[in-house]
PDB file of N, CA and C in Angstrom:
ATOM      1  N   GLN A   1       0.821  -1.194   0.000  1.00  0.00           N
ATOM      2  CA  GLN A   1       0.000   0.000   0.000  1.00  0.00           C
ATOM      3  C   GLN A   1       0.859   1.249   0.000  1.00  0.00           C
ATOM      4  N   LEU A   2       0.310   2.317  -0.551  1.00  0.00           N
ATOM      5  CA  LEU A   2       0.994   3.596  -0.600  1.00  0.00           C
ATOM      6  C   LEU A   2       0.103   4.650   0.049  1.00  0.00           C
ATOM      7  N   GLN A   3       0.676   5.462   0.933  1.00  0.00           N
ATOM      8  CA  GLN A   3      -0.095   6.464   1.652  1.00  0.00           C
ATOM      9  C   GLN A   3       0.550   7.818   1.453  1.00  0.00           C
ATOM     10  N   ALA A   4      -0.134   8.696   0.717  1.00  0.00           N
ATOM     11  CA  ALA A   4       0.383  10.023   0.434  1.00  0.00           C
ATOM     12  C   ALA A   4      -0.114  11.021   1.466  1.00  0.00           C
ATOM     13  N   SER A   5       0.706  12.024   1.741  1.00  0.00           N
ATOM     14  CA  SER A   5       0.336  13.080   2.678  1.00  0.00           C
ATOM     15  C   SER A   5       1.114  14.344   2.328  1.00  0.00           C
ATOM     16  N   GLY A   6       0.739  15.444   2.976  1.00  0.00           N
ATOM     17  CA  GLY A   6       1.471  16.682   2.818  1.00  0.00           C
ATOM     18  C   GLY A   6       0.793  17.735   1.976  1.00  0.00           C
ATOM     19  N   GLY A   7      -0.352  17.418   1.408  1.00  0.00           N
ATOM     20  CA  GLY A   7      -1.060  18.401   0.609  1.00  0.00           C
ATOM     21  C   GLY A   7      -1.644  19.507   1.474  1.00  0.00           C
ATOM     22  N   GLY A   8      -2.161  20.522   0.805  1.00  0.00           N
ATOM     23  CA  GLY A   8      -2.764  21.633   1.524  1.00  0.00           C
ATOM     24  C   GLY A   8      -3.017  22.803   0.614  1.00  0.00           C
ATOM     25  N   LEU A   9      -3.307  23.936   1.237  1.00  0.00           N
ATOM     26  CA  LEU A   9      -3.577  25.178   0.515  1.00  0.00           C
ATOM     27  C   LEU A   9      -2.362  26.086   0.633  1.00  0.00           C
ATOM     28  N   VAL A  10      -1.902  26.598  -0.489  1.00  0.00           N
ATOM     29  CA  VAL A  10      -0.728  27.460  -0.502  1.00  0.00           C
ATOM     30  C   VAL A  10      -0.931  28.559  -1.542  1.00  0.00           C
ATOM     31  N   GLN A  11      -0.321  29.698  -1.306  1.00  0.00           N
ATOM     32  CA  GLN A  11      -0.397  30.784  -2.286  1.00  0.00           C
ATOM     33  C   GLN A  11       0.565  30.547  -3.441  1.00  0.00           C
ATOM     34  N   ALA A  12       0.250  31.115  -4.571  1.00  0.00           N
ATOM     35  CA  ALA A  12       1.142  31.019  -5.722  1.00  0.00           C
ATOM     36  C   ALA A  12       2.538  31.508  -5.342  1.00  0.00           C
ATOM     37  N   GLY A  13       3.531  30.774  -5.795  1.00  0.00           N
ATOM     38  CA  GLY A  13       4.911  31.082  -5.455  1.00  0.00           C
ATOM     39  C   GLY A  13       5.417  30.339  -4.235  1.00  0.00           C
ATOM     40  N   GLY A  14       4.507  29.707  -3.517  1.00  0.00           N
ATOM     41  CA  GLY A  14       4.873  28.985  -2.309  1.00  0.00           C
ATOM     42  C   GLY A  14       5.376  27.584  -2.587  1.00  0.00           C
ATOM     43  N   SER A  15       5.598  26.852  -1.506  1.00  0.00           N
ATOM     44  CA  SER A  15       6.156  25.507  -1.592  1.00  0.00           C
ATOM     45  C   SER A  15       5.356  24.537  -0.736  1.00  0.00           C
ATOM     46  N   LEU A  16       5.388  23.293  -1.137  1.00  0.00           N
ATOM     47  CA  LEU A  16       4.849  22.184  -0.355  1.00  0.00           C
ATOM     48  C   LEU A  16       5.739  20.978  -0.566  1.00  0.00           C
ATOM     49  N   ARG A  17       5.738  20.095   0.424  1.00  0.00           N
ATOM     50  CA  ARG A  17       6.473  18.846   0.303  1.00  0.00           C
ATOM     51  C   ARG A  17       5.521  17.690   0.538  1.00  0.00           C
ATOM     52  N   LEU A  18       5.343  16.875  -0.471  1.00  0.00           N
ATOM     53  CA  LEU A  18       4.498  15.696  -0.344  1.00  0.00           C
ATOM     54  C   LEU A  18       5.344  14.495   0.048  1.00  0.00           C
ATOM     55  N   SER A  19       4.732  13.595   0.792  1.00  0.00           N
ATOM     56  CA  SER A  19       5.380  12.357   1.189  1.00  0.00           C
ATOM     57  C   SER A  19       4.495  11.187   0.811  1.00  0.00           C
ATOM     58  N   CYS A  20       5.120  10.068   0.549  1.00  0.00           N
ATOM     59  CA  CYS A  20       4.384   8.837   0.250  1.00  0.00           C
ATOM     60  C   CYS A  20       5.090   7.683   0.937  1.00  0.00           C
ATOM     61  N   LEU A  21       4.397   7.109   1.911  1.00  0.00           N
ATOM     62  CA  LEU A  21       4.938   6.008   2.687  1.00  0.00           C
ATOM     63  C   LEU A  21       4.463   4.689   2.090  1.00  0.00           C
ATOM     64  N   ALA A  22       5.410   3.802   1.854  1.00  0.00           N
ATOM     65  CA  ALA A  22       5.088   2.488   1.298  1.00  0.00           C
ATOM     66  C   ALA A  22       5.159   1.432   2.391  1.00  0.00           C
ATOM     67  N   SER A  23       4.182   0.588   2.418  1.00  0.00           N
ATOM     68  CA  SER A  23       4.160  -0.474   3.424  1.00  0.00           C
ATOM     69  C   SER A  23       4.591  -1.789   2.782  1.00  0.00           C
ATOM     70  N   THR A  24       5.809  -1.785   2.260  1.00  0.00           N
ATOM     71  CA  THR A  24       6.341  -2.991   1.656  1.00  0.00           C
ATOM     72  C   THR A  24       7.833  -3.054   1.919  1.00  0.00           C
ATOM     73  N   ILE A  25       8.314  -4.238   2.188  1.00  0.00           N
ATOM     74  CA  ILE A  25       9.742  -4.387   2.480  1.00  0.00           C
ATOM     75  C   ILE A  25      10.574  -4.329   1.217  1.00  0.00           C
ATOM     76  N   THR A  26       9.894  -4.365   0.042  1.00  0.00           N
ATOM     77  CA  THR A  26      10.622  -4.337  -1.228  1.00  0.00           C
ATOM     78  C   THR A  26      10.681  -2.938  -1.821  1.00  0.00           C
ATOM     79  N   PHE A  27      10.417  -1.906  -1.006  1.00  0.00           N
ATOM     80  CA  PHE A  27      10.355  -0.538  -1.508  1.00  0.00           C
ATOM     81  C   PHE A  27      11.595  -0.159  -2.305  1.00  0.00           C
ATOM     82  N   ARG A  28      12.762  -0.585  -1.831  1.00  0.00           N
ATOM     83  CA  ARG A  28      13.995  -0.139  -2.470  1.00  0.00           C
ATOM     84  C   ARG A  28      14.122  -0.668  -3.905  1.00  0.00           C
ATOM     85  N   PHE A  29      13.311  -1.662  -4.250  1.00  0.00           N
ATOM     86  CA  PHE A  29      13.347  -2.223  -5.598  1.00  0.00           C
ATOM     87  C   PHE A  29      12.304  -1.598  -6.532  1.00  0.00           C
ATOM     88  N   LEU A  30      11.523  -0.656  -5.999  1.00  0.00           N
ATOM     89  CA  LEU A  30      10.414  -0.089  -6.757  1.00  0.00           C
ATOM     90  C   LEU A  30      10.784   1.229  -7.430  1.00  0.00           C
ATOM     91  N   VAL A  31      10.413   1.354  -8.685  1.00  0.00           N
ATOM     92  CA  VAL A  31      10.428   2.656  -9.349  1.00  0.00           C
ATOM     93  C   VAL A  31       9.168   3.394  -8.909  1.00  0.00           C
ATOM     94  N   MET A  32       9.332   4.614  -8.444  1.00  0.00           N
ATOM     95  CA  MET A  32       8.209   5.367  -7.876  1.00  0.00           C
ATOM     96  C   MET A  32       7.883   6.569  -8.738  1.00  0.00           C
ATOM     97  N   ASN A  33       6.578   6.841  -8.841  1.00  0.00           N
ATOM     98  CA  ASN A  33       6.083   7.964  -9.628  1.00  0.00           C
ATOM     99  C   ASN A  33       5.172   8.845  -8.777  1.00  0.00           C
ATOM    100  N   TRP A  34       5.068  10.074  -9.204  1.00  0.00           N
ATOM    101  CA  TRP A  34       3.987  10.963  -8.772  1.00  0.00           C
ATOM    102  C   TRP A  34       3.172  11.323 -10.015  1.00  0.00           C
ATOM    103  N   TYR A  35       1.853  11.249  -9.851  1.00  0.00           N
ATOM    104  CA  TYR A  35       0.911  11.699 -10.870  1.00  0.00           C
ATOM    105  C   TYR A  35       0.021  12.762 -10.223  1.00  0.00           C
ATOM    106  N   ARG A  36      -0.711  13.455 -11.042  1.00  0.00           N
ATOM    107  CA  ARG A  36      -1.694  14.404 -10.518  1.00  0.00           C
ATOM    108  C   ARG A  36      -2.887  14.470 -11.471  1.00  0.00           C
ATOM    109  N   GLN A  37      -4.004  14.861 -10.893  1.00  0.00           N
ATOM    110  CA  GLN A  37      -5.204  15.077 -11.696  1.00  0.00           C
ATOM    111  C   GLN A  37      -5.886  16.343 -11.219  1.00  0.00           C
ATOM    112  N   GLY A  38      -5.876  17.348 -12.073  1.00  0.00           N
ATOM    113  CA  GLY A  38      -6.510  18.609 -11.756  1.00  0.00           C
ATOM    114  C   GLY A  38      -7.986  18.570 -12.063  1.00  0.00           C
ATOM    115  N   PRO A  39      -8.737  19.552 -11.574  1.00  0.00           N
ATOM    116  CA  PRO A  39     -10.182  19.602 -11.812  1.00  0.00           C
ATOM    117  C   PRO A  39     -10.503  19.685 -13.300  1.00  0.00           C
ATOM    118  N   GLY A  40     -11.269  18.725 -13.785  1.00  0.00           N
ATOM    119  CA  GLY A  40     -11.649  18.715 -15.184  1.00  0.00           C
ATOM    120  C   GLY A  40     -10.544  18.319 -16.137  1.00  0.00           C
ATOM    121  N   LYS A  41      -9.445  17.805 -15.594  1.00  0.00           N
ATOM    122  CA  LYS A  41      -8.304  17.439 -16.433  1.00  0.00           C
ATOM    123  C   LYS A  41      -8.038  15.945 -16.371  1.00  0.00           C
ATOM    124  N   GLU A  42      -7.300  15.458 -17.351  1.00  0.00           N
ATOM    125  CA  GLU A  42      -6.874  14.068 -17.332  1.00  0.00           C
ATOM    126  C   GLU A  42      -5.702  13.913 -16.360  1.00  0.00           C
ATOM    127  N   ARG A  43      -5.530  12.683 -15.925  1.00  0.00           N
ATOM    128  CA  ARG A  43      -4.403  12.398 -15.053  1.00  0.00           C
ATOM    129  C   ARG A  43      -3.093  12.667 -15.779  1.00  0.00           C
ATOM    130  N   GLU A  44      -2.148  13.258 -15.088  1.00  0.00           N
ATOM    131  CA  GLU A  44      -0.872  13.680 -15.673  1.00  0.00           C
ATOM    132  C   GLU A  44       0.282  13.092 -14.876  1.00  0.00           C
ATOM    133  N   TRP A  45       1.222  12.496 -15.560  1.00  0.00           N
ATOM    134  CA  TRP A  45       2.429  12.034 -14.893  1.00  0.00           C
ATOM    135  C   TRP A  45       3.299  13.237 -14.542  1.00  0.00           C
ATOM    136  N   VAL A  46       3.869  13.242 -13.337  1.00  0.00           N
ATOM    137  CA  VAL A  46       4.617  14.387 -12.839  1.00  0.00           C
ATOM    138  C   VAL A  46       6.114  14.109 -12.746  1.00  0.00           C
ATOM    139  N   ALA A  47       6.468  12.998 -12.105  1.00  0.00           N
ATOM    140  CA  ALA A  47       7.886  12.737 -11.866  1.00  0.00           C
ATOM    141  C   ALA A  47       8.090  11.260 -11.566  1.00  0.00           C
ATOM    142  N   ARG A  48       9.329  10.806 -11.779  1.00  0.00           N
ATOM    143  CA  ARG A  48       9.702   9.412 -11.543  1.00  0.00           C
ATOM    144  C   ARG A  48      11.097   9.367 -10.929  1.00  0.00           C
ATOM    145  N   ILE A  49      11.276   8.399 -10.039  1.00  0.00           N
ATOM    146  CA  ILE A  49      12.603   8.149  -9.487  1.00  0.00           C
ATOM    147  C   ILE A  49      12.875   6.655  -9.554  1.00  0.00           C
ATOM    148  N   SER A  50      14.036   6.310 -10.081  1.00  0.00           N
ATOM    149  CA  SER A  50      14.396   4.907 -10.232  1.00  0.00           C
ATOM    150  C   SER A  50      14.910   4.331  -8.919  1.00  0.00           C
ATOM    151  N   THR A  51      15.183   3.046  -8.932  1.00  0.00           N
ATOM    152  CA  THR A  51      15.734   2.399  -7.754  1.00  0.00           C
ATOM    153  C   THR A  51      17.124   2.936  -7.438  1.00  0.00           C
ATOM    154  N   PHE A  52      17.798   3.475  -8.453  1.00  0.00           N
ATOM    155  CA  PHE A  52      19.137   4.023  -8.256  1.00  0.00           C
ATOM    156  C   PHE A  52      19.121   5.520  -7.955  1.00  0.00           C
ATOM    157  N   GLY A  53      17.913   6.120  -7.947  1.00  0.00           N
ATOM    158  CA  GLY A  53      17.816   7.541  -7.652  1.00  0.00           C
ATOM    159  C   GLY A  53      17.830   8.437  -8.869  1.00  0.00           C
ATOM    160  N   ASN A  54      17.804   7.857 -10.054  1.00  0.00           N
ATOM    161  CA  ASN A  54      17.717   8.680 -11.262  1.00  0.00           C
ATOM    162  C   ASN A  54      16.319   9.259 -11.377  1.00  0.00           C
ATOM    163  N   THR A  55      16.247  10.519 -11.772  1.00  0.00           N
ATOM    164  CA  THR A  55      14.949  11.212 -11.787  1.00  0.00           C
ATOM    165  C   THR A  55      14.608  11.744 -13.169  1.00  0.00           C
ATOM    166  N   THR A  56      13.315  11.775 -13.465  1.00  0.00           N
ATOM    167  CA  THR A  56      12.796  12.405 -14.672  1.00  0.00           C
ATOM    168  C   THR A  56      11.530  13.157 -14.311  1.00  0.00           C
ATOM    169  N   TYR A  57      11.221  14.195 -15.077  1.00  0.00           N
ATOM    170  CA  TYR A  57      10.117  15.091 -14.750  1.00  0.00           C
ATOM    171  C   TYR A  57       9.287  15.428 -15.980  1.00  0.00           C
ATOM    172  N   GLY A  58       8.018  15.688 -15.735  1.00  0.00           N
ATOM    173  CA  GLY A  58       7.177  16.217 -16.778  1.00  0.00           C
ATOM    174  C   GLY A  58       7.573  17.651 -17.105  1.00  0.00           C
ATOM    175  N   ASP A  59       7.315  18.050 -18.325  1.00  0.00           N
ATOM    176  CA  ASP A  59       7.742  19.377 -18.762  1.00  0.00           C
ATOM    177  C   ASP A  59       7.120  20.496 -17.926  1.00  0.00           C
ATOM    178  N   SER A  60       5.906  20.274 -17.456  1.00  0.00           N
ATOM    179  CA  SER A  60       5.201  21.336 -16.742  1.00  0.00           C
ATOM    180  C   SER A  60       5.769  21.598 -15.343  1.00  0.00           C
ATOM    181  N   VAL A  61       6.574  20.682 -14.812  1.00  0.00           N
ATOM    182  CA  VAL A  61       7.099  20.851 -13.461  1.00  0.00           C
ATOM    183  C   VAL A  61       8.620  20.887 -13.424  1.00  0.00           C
ATOM    184  N   LYS A  62       9.253  20.662 -14.551  1.00  0.00           N
ATOM    185  CA  LYS A  62      10.715  20.602 -14.603  1.00  0.00           C
ATOM    186  C   LYS A  62      11.314  21.908 -14.103  1.00  0.00           C
ATOM    187  N   GLY A  63      12.279  21.789 -13.203  1.00  0.00           N
ATOM    188  CA  GLY A  63      12.926  22.964 -12.644  1.00  0.00           C
ATOM    189  C   GLY A  63      12.254  23.522 -11.412  1.00  0.00           C
ATOM    190  N   ARG A  64      11.033  23.044 -11.119  1.00  0.00           N
ATOM    191  CA  ARG A  64      10.304  23.524  -9.932  1.00  0.00           C
ATOM    192  C   ARG A  64      10.077  22.418  -8.907  1.00  0.00           C
ATOM    193  N   PHE A  65       9.902  21.196  -9.375  1.00  0.00           N
ATOM    194  CA  PHE A  65       9.629  20.057  -8.494  1.00  0.00           C
ATOM    195  C   PHE A  65      10.858  19.161  -8.418  1.00  0.00           C
ATOM    196  N   THR A  66      11.022  18.519  -7.265  1.00  0.00           N
ATOM    197  CA  THR A  66      12.122  17.574  -7.068  1.00  0.00           C
ATOM    198  C   THR A  66      11.593  16.325  -6.384  1.00  0.00           C
ATOM    199  N   ILE A  67      11.849  15.178  -7.001  1.00  0.00           N
ATOM    200  CA  ILE A  67      11.463  13.896  -6.401  1.00  0.00           C
ATOM    201  C   ILE A  67      12.692  13.262  -5.775  1.00  0.00           C
ATOM    202  N   THR A  68      12.518  12.760  -4.562  1.00  0.00           N
ATOM    203  CA  THR A  68      13.597  12.066  -3.860  1.00  0.00           C
ATOM    204  C   THR A  68      13.012  10.853  -3.159  1.00  0.00           C
ATOM    205  N   ARG A  69      13.899  10.000  -2.656  1.00  0.00           N
ATOM    206  CA  ARG A  69      13.429   8.824  -1.938  1.00  0.00           C
ATOM    207  C   ARG A  69      14.371   8.542  -0.773  1.00  0.00           C
ATOM    208  N   ASP A  70      13.795   7.952   0.261  1.00  0.00           N
ATOM    209  CA  ASP A  70      14.545   7.496   1.429  1.00  0.00           C
ATOM    210  C   ASP A  70      14.182   6.028   1.611  1.00  0.00           C
ATOM    211  N   ASN A  71      15.048   5.155   1.155  1.00  0.00           N
ATOM    212  CA  ASN A  71      14.727   3.729   1.190  1.00  0.00           C
ATOM    213  C   ASN A  71      14.619   3.206   2.626  1.00  0.00           C
ATOM    214  N   ALA A  72      15.398   3.753   3.524  1.00  0.00           N
ATOM    215  CA  ALA A  72      15.336   3.305   4.918  1.00  0.00           C
ATOM    216  C   ALA A  72      13.971   3.610   5.534  1.00  0.00           C
ATOM    217  N   LYS A  73      13.372   4.722   5.106  1.00  0.00           N
ATOM    218  CA  LYS A  73      12.057   5.108   5.620  1.00  0.00           C
ATOM    219  C   LYS A  73      10.927   4.666   4.700  1.00  0.00           C
ATOM    220  N   LYS A  74      11.270   4.002   3.598  1.00  0.00           N
ATOM    221  CA  LYS A  74      10.273   3.531   2.626  1.00  0.00           C
ATOM    222  C   LYS A  74       9.370   4.675   2.175  1.00  0.00           C
ATOM    223  N   THR A  75       9.970   5.790   1.906  1.00  0.00           N
ATOM    224  CA  THR A  75       9.207   6.988   1.590  1.00  0.00           C
ATOM    225  C   THR A  75       9.765   7.670   0.350  1.00  0.00           C
ATOM    226  N   VAL A  76       8.857   8.155  -0.492  1.00  0.00           N
ATOM    227  CA  VAL A  76       9.236   8.993  -1.610  1.00  0.00           C
ATOM    228  C   VAL A  76       8.647  10.375  -1.375  1.00  0.00           C
ATOM    229  N   PHE A  77       9.385  11.397  -1.760  1.00  0.00           N
ATOM    230  CA  PHE A  77       8.988  12.779  -1.513  1.00  0.00           C
ATOM    231  C   PHE A  77       8.845  13.527  -2.825  1.00  0.00           C
ATOM    232  N   LEU A  78       8.019  14.547  -2.802  1.00  0.00           N
ATOM    233  CA  LEU A  78       7.932  15.467  -3.925  1.00  0.00           C
ATOM    234  C   LEU A  78       7.991  16.881  -3.360  1.00  0.00           C
ATOM    235  N   GLN A  79       9.127  17.528  -3.532  1.00  0.00           N
ATOM    236  CA  GLN A  79       9.285  18.921  -3.129  1.00  0.00           C
ATOM    237  C   GLN A  79       8.806  19.803  -4.262  1.00  0.00           C
ATOM    238  N   MET A  80       7.817  20.633  -3.963  1.00  0.00           N
ATOM    239  CA  MET A  80       7.201  21.476  -4.989  1.00  0.00           C
ATOM    240  C   MET A  80       7.452  22.935  -4.635  1.00  0.00           C
ATOM    241  N   ASN A  81       8.196  23.610  -5.483  1.00  0.00           N
ATOM    242  CA  ASN A  81       8.517  25.025  -5.295  1.00  0.00           C
ATOM    243  C   ASN A  81       7.898  25.862  -6.406  1.00  0.00           C
ATOM    244  N   SER A  82       7.839  27.145  -6.167  1.00  0.00           N
ATOM    245  CA  SER A  82       7.295  28.086  -7.174  1.00  0.00           C
ATOM    246  C   SER A  82       5.950  27.611  -7.705  1.00  0.00           C
ATOM    247  N   LEU A  83       5.088  27.244  -6.782  1.00  0.00           N
ATOM    248  CA  LEU A  83       3.800  26.677  -7.173  1.00  0.00           C
ATOM    249  C   LEU A  83       2.942  27.691  -7.908  1.00  0.00           C
ATOM    250  N   LYS A  84       2.174  27.169  -8.851  1.00  0.00           N
ATOM    251  CA  LYS A  84       1.285  27.977  -9.688  1.00  0.00           C
ATOM    252  C   LYS A  84      -0.154  27.484  -9.506  1.00  0.00           C
ATOM    253  N   PRO A  85      -1.127  28.331  -9.763  1.00  0.00           N
ATOM    254  CA  PRO A  85      -2.518  27.871  -9.656  1.00  0.00           C
ATOM    255  C   PRO A  85      -2.795  26.635 -10.512  1.00  0.00           C
ATOM    256  N   GLU A  86      -2.116  26.510 -11.632  1.00  0.00           N
ATOM    257  CA  GLU A  86      -2.344  25.344 -12.493  1.00  0.00           C
ATOM    258  C   GLU A  86      -1.758  24.052 -11.927  1.00  0.00           C
ATOM    259  N   ASP A  87      -1.031  24.147 -10.828  1.00  0.00           N
ATOM    260  CA  ASP A  87      -0.555  22.956 -10.124  1.00  0.00           C
ATOM    261  C   ASP A  87      -1.631  22.376  -9.215  1.00  0.00           C
ATOM    262  N   THR A  88      -2.739  23.072  -9.066  1.00  0.00           N
ATOM    263  CA  THR A  88      -3.835  22.573  -8.242  1.00  0.00           C
ATOM    264  C   THR A  88      -4.327  21.235  -8.772  1.00  0.00           C
ATOM    265  N   ALA A  89      -4.319  20.236  -7.909  1.00  0.00           N
ATOM    266  CA  ALA A  89      -4.672  18.879  -8.324  1.00  0.00           C
ATOM    267  C   ALA A  89      -4.669  17.964  -7.112  1.00  0.00           C
ATOM    268  N   VAL A  90      -5.196  16.773  -7.314  1.00  0.00           N
ATOM    269  CA  VAL A  90      -4.960  15.685  -6.374  1.00  0.00           C
ATOM    270  C   VAL A  90      -3.703  14.969  -6.843  1.00  0.00           C
ATOM    271  N   TYR A  91      -2.764  14.825  -5.932  1.00  0.00           N
ATOM    272  CA  TYR A  91      -1.480  14.204  -6.261  1.00  0.00           C
ATOM    273  C   TYR A  91      -1.468  12.775  -5.736  1.00  0.00           C
ATOM    274  N   TYR A  92      -1.031  11.871  -6.596  1.00  0.00           N
ATOM    275  CA  TYR A  92      -1.007  10.453  -6.265  1.00  0.00           C
ATOM    276  C   TYR A  92       0.413   9.907  -6.394  1.00  0.00           C
ATOM    277  N   CYS A  93       0.809   9.108  -5.436  1.00  0.00           N
ATOM    278  CA  CYS A  93       2.044   8.356  -5.625  1.00  0.00           C
ATOM    279  C   CYS A  93       1.691   7.003  -6.215  1.00  0.00           C
ATOM    280  N   ASN A  94       2.664   6.441  -6.892  1.00  0.00           N
ATOM    281  CA  ASN A  94       2.393   5.245  -7.703  1.00  0.00           C
ATOM    282  C   ASN A  94       3.656   4.437  -7.860  1.00  0.00           C
ATOM    283  N   SER A  95       3.446   3.144  -7.957  1.00  0.00           N
ATOM    284  CA  SER A  95       4.531   2.243  -8.305  1.00  0.00           C
ATOM    285  C   SER A  95       4.058   1.348  -9.433  1.00  0.00           C
ATOM    286  N   GLY A  96       4.831   1.281 -10.489  1.00  0.00           N
ATOM    287  CA  GLY A  96       4.492   0.379 -11.566  1.00  0.00           C
ATOM    288  C   GLY A  96       3.684   0.979 -12.689  1.00  0.00           C
ATOM    289  N   GLY A  97       3.549   2.278 -12.714  1.00  0.00           N
ATOM    290  CA  GLY A  97       2.830   2.911 -13.807  1.00  0.00           C
ATOM    291  C   GLY A  97       1.333   2.808 -13.647  1.00  0.00           C
ATOM    292  N   THR A  98       0.621   3.082 -14.748  1.00  0.00           N
ATOM    293  CA  THR A  98      -0.834   3.211 -14.675  1.00  0.00           C
ATOM    294  C   THR A  98      -1.528   1.925 -14.245  1.00  0.00           C
ATOM    295  N   SER A  99      -0.936   0.789 -14.481  1.00  0.00           N
ATOM    296  CA  SER A  99      -1.540  -0.474 -14.067  1.00  0.00           C
ATOM    297  C   SER A  99      -0.952  -1.000 -12.769  1.00  0.00           C
ATOM    298  N   GLY A 100      -0.203  -0.151 -12.081  1.00  0.00           N
ATOM    299  CA  GLY A 100       0.482  -0.569 -10.861  1.00  0.00           C
ATOM    300  C   GLY A 100      -0.294  -0.245  -9.598  1.00  0.00           C
ATOM    301  N   ILE A 101       0.436   0.091  -8.552  1.00  0.00           N
ATOM    302  CA  ILE A 101      -0.140   0.349  -7.232  1.00  0.00           C
ATOM    303  C   ILE A 101      -0.284   1.857  -7.035  1.00  0.00           C
ATOM    304  N   TRP A 102      -1.450   2.275  -6.527  1.00  0.00           N
ATOM    305  CA  TRP A 102      -1.743   3.692  -6.329  1.00  0.00           C
ATOM    306  C   TRP A 102      -2.015   3.992  -4.871  1.00  0.00           C
ATOM    307  N   GLY A 103      -1.549   5.174  -4.431  1.00  0.00           N
ATOM    308  CA  GLY A 103      -1.934   5.679  -3.134  1.00  0.00           C
ATOM    309  C   GLY A 103      -3.278   6.369  -3.226  1.00  0.00           C
ATOM    310  N   GLN A 104      -3.743   6.896  -2.089  1.00  0.00           N
ATOM    311  CA  GLN A 104      -5.091   7.443  -2.041  1.00  0.00           C
ATOM    312  C   GLN A 104      -5.179   8.877  -2.520  1.00  0.00           C
ATOM    313  N   GLY A 105      -4.080   9.558  -2.713  1.00  0.00           N
ATOM    314  CA  GLY A 105      -4.090  10.923  -3.198  1.00  0.00           C
ATOM    315  C   GLY A 105      -4.111  11.949  -2.087  1.00  0.00           C
ATOM    316  N   THR A 106      -3.502  13.089  -2.368  1.00  0.00           N
ATOM    317  CA  THR A 106      -3.522  14.204  -1.424  1.00  0.00           C
ATOM    318  C   THR A 106      -3.773  15.484  -2.217  1.00  0.00           C
ATOM    319  N   GLN A 107      -4.670  16.322  -1.698  1.00  0.00           N
ATOM    320  CA  GLN A 107      -5.109  17.507  -2.430  1.00  0.00           C
ATOM    321  C   GLN A 107      -4.112  18.647  -2.265  1.00  0.00           C
ATOM    322  N   VAL A 108      -3.731  19.242  -3.371  1.00  0.00           N
ATOM    323  CA  VAL A 108      -2.901  20.444  -3.371  1.00  0.00           C
ATOM    324  C   VAL A 108      -3.700  21.548  -4.060  1.00  0.00           C
ATOM    325  N   THR A 109      -3.877  22.646  -3.356  1.00  0.00           N
ATOM    326  CA  THR A 109      -4.599  23.785  -3.911  1.00  0.00           C
ATOM    327  C   THR A 109      -3.706  25.010  -3.851  1.00  0.00           C
ATOM    328  N   VAL A 110      -3.501  25.632  -5.005  1.00  0.00           N
ATOM    329  CA  VAL A 110      -2.646  26.811  -5.100  1.00  0.00           C
ATOM    330  C   VAL A 110      -3.528  28.006  -5.460  1.00  0.00           C
ATOM    331  N   SER A 111      -3.564  28.982  -4.564  1.00  0.00           N
ATOM    332  CA  SER A 111      -4.396  30.162  -4.795  1.00  0.00           C
ATOM    333  C   SER A 111      -3.587  31.253  -5.487  1.00  0.00           C
ATOM    334  N   SER A 112      -4.262  32.031  -6.305  1.00  0.00           N
ATOM    335  CA  SER A 112      -3.576  33.103  -7.043  1.00  0.00           C
ATOM    336  C   SER A 112      -3.546  34.388  -6.248  1.00  0.00           C
TER     337      SER A 112
END
């Protein structure tokens, strides 16, 4: 299971840090993703971190968001800086892509 937390309401230009705790002993072997779905929008892939810590980002968040992982804590993080109103969405952590394991989502709202 994956449990996301850390969402909230923030003003444009602000920052939030999301966390996703995995309840599996094999966490260190998992490629982890963050996705998001904004109001009236399709689900969007945001960022990925490999088992070795290599990271990739969607174009809309590149340079503003940072994905990291702590294998000892079985947690993946998403540091979100310079937030924009268009970042408003429910953010989901995921393992295994669209057909993989999903967390319950955490709401991020960015006010203008």
